Amino acid sequence: MLLAEEWYASDVFWAAVGGVATLATGFAAAVITHRVGTPKRRLWYGIYRTTRLLAEETGRVPELEVRQRGIVLEDPYIVEFRMVSRGRHDIPSSSYDAGQPITFDMGVPVLGVLETENQPVTSPVPRMALDGTALKVGPSLLKKRHMVTYTLLVDGQPNLTSLAALEGVDLRLLRPAREMDVALEFAEGLGSFSPMGALAPASVRAFRAWQKNRQNPRA
């Protein structure tokens, strides 16, 4: 009992406890300072979906061809390229290295932008330009929770590479849409054709919400 009391009352013991508490407090303060002082910005990007217009599986029809401004395309694809800003803060135009745009090279000629989908619609549409095989975006503000989808016409099977230098931004590659997505889009249209089909859209929306949380994690 005497030994226990002497150990408990030891100045060395309390000095050690005080040291550990000081270290823990300092570590917690450093973590908080880092999180507050270093805004978390994250940009997901990638080819979400590709559609081959003249598929080999269905067989080529000699009389069927795809032209763009009078030029016959050898192997045309529709490409849906997507960028998603996920983070606690916006990505400002000042984050672009030396004021240069982000370059996303498709590896094949990009012939045109068929559609630009901007969500939410209140977010500013990023500056964009085509340059041979590349899609160049910015420098422009990308709001947090901002998603932009560019539907492109290309000639050849795309092979994406990127030249993206954004200060303080974590860049991540999006996974492409799976065959399940195509089936879900078909199911969403069933409600127009049958009474039972009216249940499909609600079920699809619930599944899409679950799927979105898995495929595109939030910051």
C-alpha atoms as a PDB file:
ATOM      1  CA  MET A   1       0.000   0.000   0.000  1.00  0.00           C
ATOM      2  CA  LEU A   2       2.865   2.306   0.859  1.00  0.00           C
ATOM      3  CA  LEU A   3       4.563   1.573  -2.460  1.00  0.00           C
ATOM      4  CA  ALA A   4       1.333   2.311  -4.351  1.00  0.00           C
ATOM      5  CA  GLU A   5       0.918   5.621  -2.570  1.00  0.00           C
ATOM      6  CA  GLU A   6       4.526   6.561  -3.229  1.00  0.00           C
ATOM      7  CA  TRP A   7       4.157   5.679  -6.941  1.00  0.00           C
ATOM      8  CA  TYR A   8       0.884   7.594  -7.260  1.00  0.00           C
ATOM      9  CA  ALA A   9       2.291  10.623  -5.513  1.00  0.00           C
ATOM     10  CA  SER A  10       5.517  10.587  -7.496  1.00  0.00           C
ATOM     11  CA  ASP A  11       6.520  13.876  -9.122  1.00  0.00           C
ATOM     12  CA  VAL A  12       8.046  11.898 -12.010  1.00  0.00           C
ATOM     13  CA  PHE A  13       4.706  10.245 -12.741  1.00  0.00           C
ATOM     14  CA  TRP A  14       2.829  13.549 -12.918  1.00  0.00           C
ATOM     15  CA  ALA A  15       5.571  15.121 -14.997  1.00  0.00           C
ATOM     16  CA  ALA A  16       5.210  12.261 -17.508  1.00  0.00           C
ATOM     17  CA  VAL A  17       1.429  12.669 -17.579  1.00  0.00           C
ATOM     18  CA  GLY A  18       1.821  16.398 -18.180  1.00  0.00           C
ATOM     19  CA  GLY A  19       4.255  15.764 -21.016  1.00  0.00           C
ATOM     20  CA  VAL A  20       1.916  13.321 -22.741  1.00  0.00           C
ATOM     21  CA  ALA A  21      -1.009  15.750 -22.387  1.00  0.00           C
ATOM     22  CA  THR A  22       1.073  18.567 -23.872  1.00  0.00           C
ATOM     23  CA  LEU A  23       2.084  16.406 -26.839  1.00  0.00           C
ATOM     24  CA  ALA A  24      -1.524  15.337 -27.453  1.00  0.00           C
ATOM     25  CA  THR A  25      -2.756  18.930 -27.317  1.00  0.00           C
ATOM     26  CA  GLY A  26      -0.027  20.079 -29.673  1.00  0.00           C
ATOM     27  CA  PHE A  27      -0.780  17.294 -32.147  1.00  0.00           C
ATOM     28  CA  ALA A  28      -4.512  18.077 -32.139  1.00  0.00           C
ATOM     29  CA  ALA A  29      -3.792  21.774 -32.677  1.00  0.00           C
ATOM     30  CA  ALA A  30      -1.482  20.960 -35.597  1.00  0.00           C
ATOM     31  CA  VAL A  31      -4.127  18.777 -37.250  1.00  0.00           C
ATOM     32  CA  ILE A  32      -6.804  21.457 -36.864  1.00  0.00           C
ATOM     33  CA  THR A  33      -4.458  24.140 -38.205  1.00  0.00           C
ATOM     34  CA  HIS A  34      -3.577  21.992 -41.199  1.00  0.00           C
ATOM     35  CA  ARG A  35      -7.202  21.245 -42.040  1.00  0.00           C
ATOM     36  CA  VAL A  36      -8.249  24.874 -41.712  1.00  0.00           C
ATOM     37  CA  GLY A  37      -5.160  26.356 -43.343  1.00  0.00           C
ATOM     38  CA  THR A  38      -5.069  23.854 -46.247  1.00  0.00           C
ATOM     39  CA  PRO A  39      -8.460  23.909 -48.002  1.00  0.00           C
ATOM     40  CA  LYS A  40      -9.460  20.498 -49.322  1.00  0.00           C
ATOM     41  CA  ARG A  41     -10.112  20.617 -53.060  1.00  0.00           C
ATOM     42  CA  ARG A  42     -10.652  17.532 -55.222  1.00  0.00           C
ATOM     43  CA  LEU A  43     -11.315  17.166 -58.951  1.00  0.00           C
ATOM     44  CA  TRP A  44     -12.571  13.912 -60.455  1.00  0.00           C
ATOM     45  CA  TYR A  45     -12.291  13.568 -64.224  1.00  0.00           C
ATOM     46  CA  GLY A  46     -12.581  10.921 -66.902  1.00  0.00           C
ATOM     47  CA  ILE A  47     -14.439   9.439 -69.854  1.00  0.00           C
ATOM     48  CA  TYR A  48     -17.789   8.505 -68.389  1.00  0.00           C
ATOM     49  CA  ARG A  49     -19.187   6.750 -71.461  1.00  0.00           C
ATOM     50  CA  THR A  50     -18.220   5.960 -75.056  1.00  0.00           C
ATOM     51  CA  THR A  51     -20.559   4.977 -77.886  1.00  0.00           C
ATOM     52  CA  ARG A  52     -19.256   3.588 -81.156  1.00  0.00           C
ATOM     53  CA  LEU A  53     -21.456   4.754 -84.005  1.00  0.00           C
ATOM     54  CA  LEU A  54     -20.428   2.062 -86.503  1.00  0.00           C
ATOM     55  CA  ALA A  55     -20.074  -1.048 -84.356  1.00  0.00           C
ATOM     56  CA  GLU A  56     -18.341  -4.113 -85.748  1.00  0.00           C
ATOM     57  CA  GLU A  57     -20.718  -6.433 -83.889  1.00  0.00           C
ATOM     58  CA  THR A  58     -23.707  -5.265 -85.918  1.00  0.00           C
ATOM     59  CA  GLY A  59     -21.799  -5.393 -89.186  1.00  0.00           C
ATOM     60  CA  ARG A  60     -20.946  -2.426 -91.369  1.00  0.00           C
ATOM     61  CA  VAL A  61     -23.378  -1.371 -94.053  1.00  0.00           C
ATOM     62  CA  PRO A  62     -21.457  -0.181 -97.151  1.00  0.00           C
ATOM     63  CA  GLU A  63     -24.019   2.539 -97.860  1.00  0.00           C
ATOM     64  CA  LEU A  64     -23.916   3.832 -94.266  1.00  0.00           C
ATOM     65  CA  GLU A  65     -21.345   6.444 -93.359  1.00  0.00           C
ATOM     66  CA  VAL A  66     -20.885   9.258 -90.873  1.00  0.00           C
ATOM     67  CA  ARG A  67     -19.726  12.623 -92.153  1.00  0.00           C
ATOM     68  CA  GLN A  68     -18.567  15.726 -90.364  1.00  0.00           C
ATOM     69  CA  ARG A  69     -18.540  18.858 -92.523  1.00  0.00           C
ATOM     70  CA  GLY A  70     -18.457  16.708 -95.621  1.00  0.00           C
ATOM     71  CA  ILE A  71     -15.595  14.498 -94.449  1.00  0.00           C
ATOM     72  CA  VAL A  72     -16.266  10.769 -93.981  1.00  0.00           C
ATOM     73  CA  LEU A  73     -15.249   9.543 -90.524  1.00  0.00           C
ATOM     74  CA  GLU A  74     -13.459   6.208 -90.379  1.00  0.00           C
ATOM     75  CA  ASP A  75     -14.403   5.136 -86.849  1.00  0.00           C
ATOM     76  CA  PRO A  76     -16.615   7.733 -85.135  1.00  0.00           C
ATOM     77  CA  TYR A  77     -17.334   7.658 -81.403  1.00  0.00           C
ATOM     78  CA  ILE A  78     -19.513   9.736 -79.109  1.00  0.00           C
ATOM     79  CA  VAL A  79     -17.563  10.422 -75.920  1.00  0.00           C
ATOM     80  CA  GLU A  80     -19.021  11.746 -72.666  1.00  0.00           C
ATOM     81  CA  PHE A  81     -16.194  13.366 -70.739  1.00  0.00           C
ATOM     82  CA  ARG A  82     -16.982  14.438 -67.177  1.00  0.00           C
ATOM     83  CA  MET A  83     -15.397  16.639 -64.507  1.00  0.00           C
ATOM     84  CA  VAL A  84     -16.686  16.754 -60.930  1.00  0.00           C
ATOM     85  CA  SER A  85     -15.443  19.181 -58.291  1.00  0.00           C
ATOM     86  CA  ARG A  86     -15.710  17.408 -54.938  1.00  0.00           C
ATOM     87  CA  GLY A  87     -14.416  19.214 -51.910  1.00  0.00           C
ATOM     88  CA  ARG A  88     -15.104  21.687 -49.151  1.00  0.00           C
ATOM     89  CA  HIS A  89     -13.953  24.643 -51.248  1.00  0.00           C
ATOM     90  CA  ASP A  90     -14.195  25.996 -54.807  1.00  0.00           C
ATOM     91  CA  ILE A  91     -11.306  25.558 -57.235  1.00  0.00           C
ATOM     92  CA  PRO A  92     -10.410  29.138 -58.236  1.00  0.00           C
ATOM     93  CA  SER A  93      -8.927  30.148 -61.579  1.00  0.00           C
ATOM     94  CA  SER A  94      -5.756  31.120 -59.711  1.00  0.00           C
ATOM     95  CA  SER A  95      -5.103  27.389 -59.063  1.00  0.00           C
ATOM     96  CA  TYR A  96      -4.202  26.829 -62.731  1.00  0.00           C
ATOM     97  CA  ASP A  97      -0.453  26.591 -63.283  1.00  0.00           C
ATOM     98  CA  ALA A  98       0.822  29.778 -64.958  1.00  0.00           C
ATOM     99  CA  GLY A  99      -2.731  30.537 -66.051  1.00  0.00           C
ATOM    100  CA  GLN A 100      -2.699  27.571 -68.450  1.00  0.00           C
ATOM    101  CA  PRO A 101      -5.772  25.355 -69.069  1.00  0.00           C
ATOM    102  CA  ILE A 102      -6.045  21.729 -68.024  1.00  0.00           C
ATOM    103  CA  THR A 103      -5.376  19.539 -71.070  1.00  0.00           C
ATOM    104  CA  PHE A 104      -7.267  16.276 -71.525  1.00  0.00           C
ATOM    105  CA  ASP A 105      -5.890  14.415 -74.534  1.00  0.00           C
ATOM    106  CA  MET A 106      -8.252  11.857 -76.095  1.00  0.00           C
ATOM    107  CA  GLY A 107      -5.529  10.333 -78.277  1.00  0.00           C
ATOM    108  CA  VAL A 108      -7.710  10.709 -81.409  1.00  0.00           C
ATOM    109  CA  PRO A 109      -9.011  13.758 -83.305  1.00  0.00           C
ATOM    110  CA  VAL A 110     -11.724  15.633 -81.410  1.00  0.00           C
ATOM    111  CA  LEU A 111     -14.045  16.964 -84.109  1.00  0.00           C
ATOM    112  CA  GLY A 112     -16.578  18.894 -82.082  1.00  0.00           C
ATOM    113  CA  VAL A 113     -18.536  19.423 -78.882  1.00  0.00           C
ATOM    114  CA  LEU A 114     -22.098  18.182 -79.360  1.00  0.00           C
ATOM    115  CA  GLU A 115     -23.406  19.169 -75.938  1.00  0.00           C
ATOM    116  CA  THR A 116     -22.289  20.697 -72.642  1.00  0.00           C
ATOM    117  CA  GLU A 117     -24.192  19.759 -69.485  1.00  0.00           C
ATOM    118  CA  ASN A 118     -23.559  22.004 -66.492  1.00  0.00           C
ATOM    119  CA  GLN A 119     -24.836  21.068 -63.014  1.00  0.00           C
ATOM    120  CA  PRO A 120     -26.000  22.961 -61.124  1.00  0.00           C
ATOM    121  CA  VAL A 121     -27.094  25.300 -63.880  1.00  0.00           C
ATOM    122  CA  THR A 122     -26.338  28.300 -61.653  1.00  0.00           C
ATOM    123  CA  SER A 123     -22.611  27.467 -61.698  1.00  0.00           C
ATOM    124  CA  PRO A 124     -20.515  29.298 -64.304  1.00  0.00           C
ATOM    125  CA  VAL A 125     -19.699  27.233 -67.397  1.00  0.00           C
ATOM    126  CA  PRO A 126     -15.910  26.705 -67.558  1.00  0.00           C
ATOM    127  CA  ARG A 127     -13.949  28.122 -70.473  1.00  0.00           C
ATOM    128  CA  MET A 128     -13.255  25.374 -73.020  1.00  0.00           C
ATOM    129  CA  ALA A 129     -11.399  24.935 -76.322  1.00  0.00           C
ATOM    130  CA  LEU A 130     -10.505  22.106 -78.700  1.00  0.00           C
ATOM    131  CA  ASP A 131      -6.964  21.613 -79.950  1.00  0.00           C
ATOM    132  CA  GLY A 132      -6.434  18.649 -82.266  1.00  0.00           C
ATOM    133  CA  THR A 133      -6.802  15.585 -80.053  1.00  0.00           C
ATOM    134  CA  ALA A 134      -7.214  17.587 -76.846  1.00  0.00           C
ATOM    135  CA  LEU A 135      -9.963  19.188 -74.807  1.00  0.00           C
ATOM    136  CA  LYS A 136      -8.637  22.193 -72.876  1.00  0.00           C
ATOM    137  CA  VAL A 137     -10.564  23.512 -69.897  1.00  0.00           C
ATOM    138  CA  GLY A 138      -9.999  26.755 -68.016  1.00  0.00           C
ATOM    139  CA  PRO A 139      -8.594  28.650 -66.400  1.00  0.00           C
ATOM    140  CA  SER A 140     -12.041  29.036 -64.869  1.00  0.00           C
ATOM    141  CA  LEU A 141     -13.732  28.843 -61.505  1.00  0.00           C
ATOM    142  CA  LEU A 142     -15.022  25.381 -60.598  1.00  0.00           C
ATOM    143  CA  LYS A 143     -17.528  25.624 -57.771  1.00  0.00           C
ATOM    144  CA  LYS A 144     -17.675  22.912 -55.122  1.00  0.00           C
ATOM    145  CA  ARG A 145     -20.156  20.160 -56.068  1.00  0.00           C
ATOM    146  CA  HIS A 146     -19.914  21.352 -59.678  1.00  0.00           C
ATOM    147  CA  MET A 147     -20.256  18.755 -62.468  1.00  0.00           C
ATOM    148  CA  VAL A 148     -19.594  19.409 -66.151  1.00  0.00           C
ATOM    149  CA  THR A 149     -20.134  16.839 -68.911  1.00  0.00           C
ATOM    150  CA  TYR A 150     -18.865  17.436 -72.447  1.00  0.00           C
ATOM    151  CA  THR A 151     -20.314  15.233 -75.201  1.00  0.00           C
ATOM    152  CA  LEU A 152     -17.657  14.999 -77.897  1.00  0.00           C
ATOM    153  CA  LEU A 153     -17.494  13.620 -81.424  1.00  0.00           C
ATOM    154  CA  VAL A 154     -14.155  11.897 -82.044  1.00  0.00           C
ATOM    155  CA  ASP A 155     -12.744   9.772 -84.853  1.00  0.00           C
ATOM    156  CA  GLY A 156     -11.216   6.637 -83.355  1.00  0.00           C
ATOM    157  CA  GLN A 157     -11.297   4.834 -80.020  1.00  0.00           C
ATOM    158  CA  PRO A 158     -10.302   7.339 -77.315  1.00  0.00           C
ATOM    159  CA  ASN A 159      -7.399   6.769 -74.943  1.00  0.00           C
ATOM    160  CA  LEU A 160      -7.410   9.495 -72.298  1.00  0.00           C
ATOM    161  CA  THR A 161      -4.283  11.104 -70.904  1.00  0.00           C
ATOM    162  CA  SER A 162      -4.188  14.331 -68.948  1.00  0.00           C
ATOM    163  CA  LEU A 163      -1.849  17.224 -68.330  1.00  0.00           C
ATOM    164  CA  ALA A 164      -3.352  18.801 -65.263  1.00  0.00           C
ATOM    165  CA  ALA A 165      -1.412  21.010 -62.884  1.00  0.00           C
ATOM    166  CA  LEU A 166      -3.713  22.527 -60.288  1.00  0.00           C
ATOM    167  CA  GLU A 167      -2.166  23.918 -57.126  1.00  0.00           C
ATOM    168  CA  GLY A 168      -3.664  22.463 -53.967  1.00  0.00           C
ATOM    169  CA  VAL A 169      -6.081  20.183 -55.842  1.00  0.00           C
ATOM    170  CA  ASP A 170      -6.246  16.404 -55.518  1.00  0.00           C
ATOM    171  CA  LEU A 171      -6.856  14.923 -58.997  1.00  0.00           C
ATOM    172  CA  ARG A 172      -8.633  11.588 -59.299  1.00  0.00           C
ATOM    173  CA  LEU A 173      -9.811   9.464 -62.221  1.00  0.00           C
ATOM    174  CA  LEU A 174     -13.529   8.760 -62.571  1.00  0.00           C
ATOM    175  CA  ARG A 175     -14.672   5.240 -63.284  1.00  0.00           C
ATOM    176  CA  PRO A 176     -16.603   4.844 -66.556  1.00  0.00           C
ATOM    177  CA  ALA A 177     -20.296   4.034 -66.626  1.00  0.00           C
ATOM    178  CA  ARG A 178     -21.100   0.330 -66.571  1.00  0.00           C
ATOM    179  CA  GLU A 179     -23.610  -1.674 -68.563  1.00  0.00           C
ATOM    180  CA  MET A 180     -25.948  -1.405 -65.560  1.00  0.00           C
ATOM    181  CA  ASP A 181     -26.260   2.328 -66.227  1.00  0.00           C
ATOM    182  CA  VAL A 182     -27.586   1.638 -69.728  1.00  0.00           C
ATOM    183  CA  ALA A 183     -30.148  -0.798 -68.328  1.00  0.00           C
ATOM    184  CA  LEU A 184     -31.231   1.758 -65.728  1.00  0.00           C
ATOM    185  CA  GLU A 185     -31.744   4.441 -68.363  1.00  0.00           C
ATOM    186  CA  PHE A 186     -33.932   2.009 -70.321  1.00  0.00           C
ATOM    187  CA  ALA A 187     -35.950   1.186 -67.181  1.00  0.00           C
ATOM    188  CA  GLU A 188     -36.551   4.878 -66.503  1.00  0.00           C
ATOM    189  CA  GLY A 189     -38.549   5.056 -69.715  1.00  0.00           C
ATOM    190  CA  LEU A 190     -40.843   2.140 -68.928  1.00  0.00           C
ATOM    191  CA  GLY A 191     -43.308   4.297 -67.014  1.00  0.00           C
ATOM    192  CA  SER A 192     -44.579   5.772 -70.268  1.00  0.00           C
ATOM    193  CA  PHE A 193     -45.634   2.409 -71.667  1.00  0.00           C
ATOM    194  CA  SER A 194     -47.311   0.344 -68.958  1.00  0.00           C
ATOM    195  CA  PRO A 195     -48.976   0.717 -65.524  1.00  0.00           C
ATOM    196  CA  MET A 196     -46.445  -1.628 -63.947  1.00  0.00           C
ATOM    197  CA  GLY A 197     -43.676   0.341 -65.578  1.00  0.00           C
ATOM    198  CA  ALA A 198     -44.683   3.348 -63.489  1.00  0.00           C
ATOM    199  CA  LEU A 199     -42.844   1.740 -60.566  1.00  0.00           C
ATOM    200  CA  ALA A 200     -39.584   1.663 -62.493  1.00  0.00           C
ATOM    201  CA  PRO A 201     -38.548   5.335 -62.321  1.00  0.00           C
ATOM    202  CA  ALA A 202     -38.848   5.516 -58.505  1.00  0.00           C
ATOM    203  CA  SER A 203     -36.886   2.283 -58.092  1.00  0.00           C
ATOM    204  CA  VAL A 204     -34.233   3.496 -60.514  1.00  0.00           C
ATOM    205  CA  ARG A 205     -33.882   6.813 -58.706  1.00  0.00           C
ATOM    206  CA  ALA A 206     -33.350   5.027 -55.386  1.00  0.00           C
ATOM    207  CA  PHE A 207     -30.759   2.711 -56.914  1.00  0.00           C
ATOM    208  CA  ARG A 208     -28.982   5.602 -58.655  1.00  0.00           C
ATOM    209  CA  ALA A 209     -28.702   7.489 -55.344  1.00  0.00           C
ATOM    210  CA  TRP A 210     -27.068   4.443 -53.748  1.00  0.00           C
ATOM    211  CA  GLN A 211     -24.848   3.904 -56.801  1.00  0.00           C
ATOM    212  CA  LYS A 212     -23.766   7.557 -56.911  1.00  0.00           C
ATOM    213  CA  ASN A 213     -22.591   7.450 -53.308  1.00  0.00           C
ATOM    214  CA  ARG A 214     -20.406   4.456 -54.143  1.00  0.00           C
ATOM    215  CA  GLN A 215     -18.988   5.597 -57.498  1.00  0.00           C
ATOM    216  CA  ASN A 216     -18.512   9.303 -56.837  1.00  0.00           C
ATOM    217  CA  PRO A 217     -17.626   9.621 -53.158  1.00  0.00           C
ATOM    218  CA  ARG A 218     -18.095  12.998 -51.547  1.00  0.00           C
ATOM    219  CA  ALA A 219     -15.313  14.868 -49.926  1.00  0.00           C
END
